[in-house]
Amino acid sequence: MEIRVLARQGKGIREIAGVVCISRNTVRRHLRDSRSGHYKRRASRPSKLAPYQDYLRERIAQAHPHWLPAPVMLRELQQR
């Protein structure tokens, strides 16, 4: 993180805030909190196509030398 690098170089909070273009309070918060800037990993959600994946793979394999357009596959899924 650039804020920590600048702080290690001996730059002040005001100077860091000016370089990074954020407020001084944000700089302070980043320097205080060791986990700031890290996002929590989200739980993966099932895809809308998850129930149809086997069928789609089978259809793609059947049409292998040729390309199968997505609207055609959508129409087939709607008919099922």
N, C-alpha and C. Protein backbone atom coordinates (compact mmCIF):
# COMPACT_ATOMS: atom_id res chain seq x y z
N MET A 1 0.85 -1.17 0.00
CA MET A 1 0.00 0.00 0.00
C MET A 1 0.89 1.23 0.00
N GLU A 2 0.58 2.17 -0.82
CA GLU A 2 1.39 3.35 -1.00
C GLU A 2 1.48 4.20 0.27
N ILE A 3 0.42 4.24 1.05
CA ILE A 3 0.41 5.04 2.28
C ILE A 3 1.47 4.54 3.24
N ARG A 4 1.55 3.24 3.40
CA ARG A 4 2.54 2.67 4.32
C ARG A 4 3.96 2.90 3.83
N VAL A 5 4.15 2.83 2.53
CA VAL A 5 5.49 3.06 1.96
C VAL A 5 5.92 4.49 2.24
N LEU A 6 5.01 5.43 2.01
CA LEU A 6 5.34 6.83 2.26
C LEU A 6 5.61 7.08 3.74
N ALA A 7 4.85 6.43 4.61
CA ALA A 7 5.06 6.60 6.05
C ALA A 7 6.43 6.04 6.46
N ARG A 8 6.82 4.91 5.87
CA ARG A 8 8.13 4.33 6.17
C ARG A 8 9.27 5.22 5.68
N GLN A 9 8.99 6.00 4.66
CA GLN A 9 10.00 6.91 4.14
C GLN A 9 10.11 8.17 4.99
N GLY A 10 9.27 8.28 6.02
CA GLY A 10 9.36 9.40 6.94
C GLY A 10 8.46 10.58 6.59
N LYS A 11 7.57 10.41 5.66
CA LYS A 11 6.65 11.49 5.28
C LYS A 11 5.60 11.68 6.35
N GLY A 12 5.14 12.90 6.51
CA GLY A 12 4.10 13.21 7.48
C GLY A 12 2.72 12.91 6.95
N ILE A 13 1.75 12.90 7.85
CA ILE A 13 0.37 12.58 7.48
C ILE A 13 -0.16 13.57 6.46
N ARG A 14 0.11 14.85 6.67
CA ARG A 14 -0.37 15.87 5.75
C ARG A 14 0.24 15.68 4.37
N GLU A 15 1.51 15.39 4.32
CA GLU A 15 2.19 15.19 3.05
C GLU A 15 1.67 13.95 2.32
N ILE A 16 1.46 12.87 3.07
CA ILE A 16 0.92 11.64 2.48
C ILE A 16 -0.47 11.91 1.91
N ALA A 17 -1.29 12.63 2.68
CA ALA A 17 -2.65 12.94 2.23
C ALA A 17 -2.62 13.74 0.94
N GLY A 18 -1.68 14.65 0.82
CA GLY A 18 -1.57 15.45 -0.39
C GLY A 18 -1.12 14.63 -1.59
N VAL A 19 -0.19 13.72 -1.37
CA VAL A 19 0.33 12.90 -2.48
C VAL A 19 -0.73 11.92 -2.96
N VAL A 20 -1.43 11.27 -2.04
CA VAL A 20 -2.39 10.23 -2.38
C VAL A 20 -3.77 10.81 -2.69
N CYS A 21 -3.98 12.10 -2.38
CA CYS A 21 -5.25 12.81 -2.62
C CYS A 21 -6.41 12.21 -1.82
N ILE A 22 -6.15 11.97 -0.54
CA ILE A 22 -7.21 11.55 0.38
C ILE A 22 -7.10 12.41 1.64
N SER A 23 -8.09 12.34 2.50
CA SER A 23 -8.08 13.17 3.69
C SER A 23 -7.05 12.67 4.71
N ARG A 24 -6.65 13.56 5.61
CA ARG A 24 -5.68 13.19 6.64
C ARG A 24 -6.24 12.13 7.57
N ASN A 25 -7.55 12.23 7.86
CA ASN A 25 -8.16 11.22 8.73
C ASN A 25 -8.12 9.82 8.10
N THR A 26 -8.28 9.77 6.79
CA THR A 26 -8.19 8.48 6.10
C THR A 26 -6.78 7.92 6.18
N VAL A 27 -5.79 8.79 6.03
CA VAL A 27 -4.39 8.36 6.16
C VAL A 27 -4.16 7.82 7.56
N ARG A 28 -4.64 8.53 8.57
CA ARG A 28 -4.47 8.07 9.96
C ARG A 28 -5.11 6.70 10.16
N ARG A 29 -6.33 6.55 9.62
CA ARG A 29 -7.05 5.28 9.79
C ARG A 29 -6.28 4.14 9.13
N HIS A 30 -5.73 4.37 7.95
CA HIS A 30 -4.96 3.33 7.26
C HIS A 30 -3.70 2.98 8.04
N LEU A 31 -3.06 3.96 8.61
CA LEU A 31 -1.84 3.68 9.36
C LEU A 31 -2.11 2.99 10.68
N ARG A 32 -3.25 3.29 11.29
CA ARG A 32 -3.61 2.65 12.57
C ARG A 32 -4.07 1.21 12.37
N ASP A 33 -4.90 1.01 11.38
CA ASP A 33 -5.52 -0.30 11.16
C ASP A 33 -4.63 -1.15 10.27
N SER A 34 -4.21 -2.28 10.76
CA SER A 34 -3.31 -3.14 9.98
C SER A 34 -4.04 -3.85 8.84
N ARG A 35 -5.37 -3.97 8.93
CA ARG A 35 -6.12 -4.67 7.89
C ARG A 35 -6.85 -3.72 6.96
N SER A 36 -6.62 -2.43 7.04
CA SER A 36 -7.33 -1.50 6.17
C SER A 36 -6.94 -1.74 4.72
N GLY A 37 -7.89 -1.58 3.85
CA GLY A 37 -7.63 -1.81 2.45
C GLY A 37 -7.79 -3.25 2.02
N HIS A 38 -8.07 -4.15 2.95
CA HIS A 38 -8.27 -5.55 2.62
C HIS A 38 -9.76 -5.84 2.62
N TYR A 39 -10.21 -6.53 1.62
CA TYR A 39 -11.62 -6.89 1.54
C TYR A 39 -11.82 -8.30 2.06
N LYS A 40 -12.99 -8.53 2.63
CA LYS A 40 -13.33 -9.86 3.09
C LYS A 40 -13.71 -10.70 1.87
N ARG A 41 -13.35 -11.95 1.90
CA ARG A 41 -13.69 -12.85 0.81
C ARG A 41 -15.18 -13.19 0.90
N ARG A 42 -15.86 -13.01 -0.20
CA ARG A 42 -17.30 -13.30 -0.23
C ARG A 42 -17.54 -14.78 -0.48
N ALA A 43 -18.63 -15.25 0.06
CA ALA A 43 -19.02 -16.64 -0.19
C ALA A 43 -19.50 -16.73 -1.64
N SER A 44 -19.09 -17.76 -2.34
CA SER A 44 -19.50 -17.90 -3.73
C SER A 44 -20.97 -18.28 -3.82
N ARG A 45 -21.63 -17.69 -4.79
CA ARG A 45 -23.05 -17.97 -5.00
C ARG A 45 -23.19 -18.91 -6.19
N PRO A 46 -24.22 -19.75 -6.16
CA PRO A 46 -24.42 -20.62 -7.32
C PRO A 46 -24.86 -19.79 -8.53
N SER A 47 -24.47 -20.22 -9.68
CA SER A 47 -24.82 -19.55 -10.92
C SER A 47 -26.27 -19.83 -11.28
N LYS A 48 -26.87 -18.93 -12.05
CA LYS A 48 -28.24 -19.17 -12.52
C LYS A 48 -28.27 -20.36 -13.49
N LEU A 49 -27.14 -20.59 -14.12
CA LEU A 49 -27.06 -21.69 -15.08
C LEU A 49 -26.62 -23.01 -14.45
N ALA A 50 -26.37 -23.03 -13.16
CA ALA A 50 -25.89 -24.23 -12.48
C ALA A 50 -26.77 -25.45 -12.75
N PRO A 51 -28.10 -25.33 -12.69
CA PRO A 51 -28.92 -26.52 -12.95
C PRO A 51 -28.82 -27.03 -14.39
N TYR A 52 -28.38 -26.18 -15.31
CA TYR A 52 -28.36 -26.54 -16.73
C TYR A 52 -26.95 -26.82 -17.26
N GLN A 53 -25.95 -26.78 -16.41
CA GLN A 53 -24.57 -26.91 -16.88
C GLN A 53 -24.31 -28.22 -17.61
N ASP A 54 -24.83 -29.30 -17.09
CA ASP A 54 -24.61 -30.60 -17.75
C ASP A 54 -25.21 -30.59 -19.15
N TYR A 55 -26.42 -30.08 -19.28
CA TYR A 55 -27.08 -30.02 -20.59
C TYR A 55 -26.28 -29.12 -21.55
N LEU A 56 -25.85 -27.97 -21.08
CA LEU A 56 -25.11 -27.04 -21.93
C LEU A 56 -23.79 -27.64 -22.40
N ARG A 57 -23.09 -28.31 -21.51
CA ARG A 57 -21.83 -28.96 -21.91
C ARG A 57 -22.08 -30.05 -22.95
N GLU A 58 -23.16 -30.79 -22.76
CA GLU A 58 -23.50 -31.85 -23.71
C GLU A 58 -23.83 -31.26 -25.08
N ARG A 59 -24.60 -30.17 -25.11
CA ARG A 59 -24.98 -29.52 -26.36
C ARG A 59 -23.76 -28.95 -27.07
N ILE A 60 -22.84 -28.37 -26.33
CA ILE A 60 -21.63 -27.81 -26.92
C ILE A 60 -20.78 -28.93 -27.50
N ALA A 61 -20.72 -30.06 -26.81
CA ALA A 61 -19.95 -31.20 -27.30
C ALA A 61 -20.58 -31.78 -28.57
N GLN A 62 -21.92 -31.79 -28.65
CA GLN A 62 -22.60 -32.30 -29.83
C GLN A 62 -22.32 -31.42 -31.06
N ALA A 63 -22.23 -30.14 -30.85
CA ALA A 63 -22.02 -29.21 -31.97
C ALA A 63 -20.55 -28.85 -32.12
N HIS A 64 -19.67 -29.68 -31.61
CA HIS A 64 -18.25 -29.35 -31.47
C HIS A 64 -17.57 -28.72 -32.67
N PRO A 65 -17.61 -29.29 -33.86
CA PRO A 65 -16.86 -28.61 -34.92
C PRO A 65 -17.46 -27.25 -35.26
N HIS A 66 -18.72 -27.06 -34.97
CA HIS A 66 -19.39 -25.81 -35.31
C HIS A 66 -19.68 -25.02 -34.03
N TRP A 67 -19.88 -23.75 -34.22
CA TRP A 67 -20.18 -22.86 -33.11
C TRP A 67 -21.68 -22.81 -32.89
N LEU A 68 -22.12 -22.84 -31.64
CA LEU A 68 -23.54 -22.81 -31.30
C LEU A 68 -23.85 -21.45 -30.68
N PRO A 69 -24.66 -20.61 -31.33
CA PRO A 69 -24.94 -19.27 -30.81
C PRO A 69 -25.70 -19.31 -29.48
N ALA A 70 -25.43 -18.35 -28.64
CA ALA A 70 -26.07 -18.28 -27.33
C ALA A 70 -27.59 -18.14 -27.43
N PRO A 71 -28.14 -17.34 -28.36
CA PRO A 71 -29.61 -17.26 -28.44
C PRO A 71 -30.26 -18.61 -28.75
N VAL A 72 -29.58 -19.43 -29.53
CA VAL A 72 -30.12 -20.76 -29.83
C VAL A 72 -30.14 -21.60 -28.55
N MET A 73 -29.07 -21.55 -27.80
CA MET A 73 -29.01 -22.32 -26.55
C MET A 73 -30.04 -21.81 -25.54
N LEU A 74 -30.24 -20.48 -25.50
CA LEU A 74 -31.25 -19.91 -24.60
C LEU A 74 -32.63 -20.41 -24.98
N ARG A 75 -32.92 -20.42 -26.28
CA ARG A 75 -34.22 -20.89 -26.74
C ARG A 75 -34.43 -22.36 -26.34
N GLU A 76 -33.40 -23.17 -26.48
CA GLU A 76 -33.50 -24.57 -26.09
C GLU A 76 -33.74 -24.73 -24.60
N LEU A 77 -33.06 -23.91 -23.81
CA LEU A 77 -33.26 -23.98 -22.36
C LEU A 77 -34.67 -23.55 -21.97
N GLN A 78 -35.20 -22.55 -22.65
CA GLN A 78 -36.56 -22.09 -22.35
C GLN A 78 -37.59 -23.14 -22.72
N GLN A 79 -37.32 -23.91 -23.76
CA GLN A 79 -38.25 -24.96 -24.15
C GLN A 79 -38.23 -26.13 -23.17
N ARG A 80 -37.11 -26.33 -22.52
CA ARG A 80 -37.00 -27.43 -21.53
C ARG A 80 -37.78 -27.01 -20.32
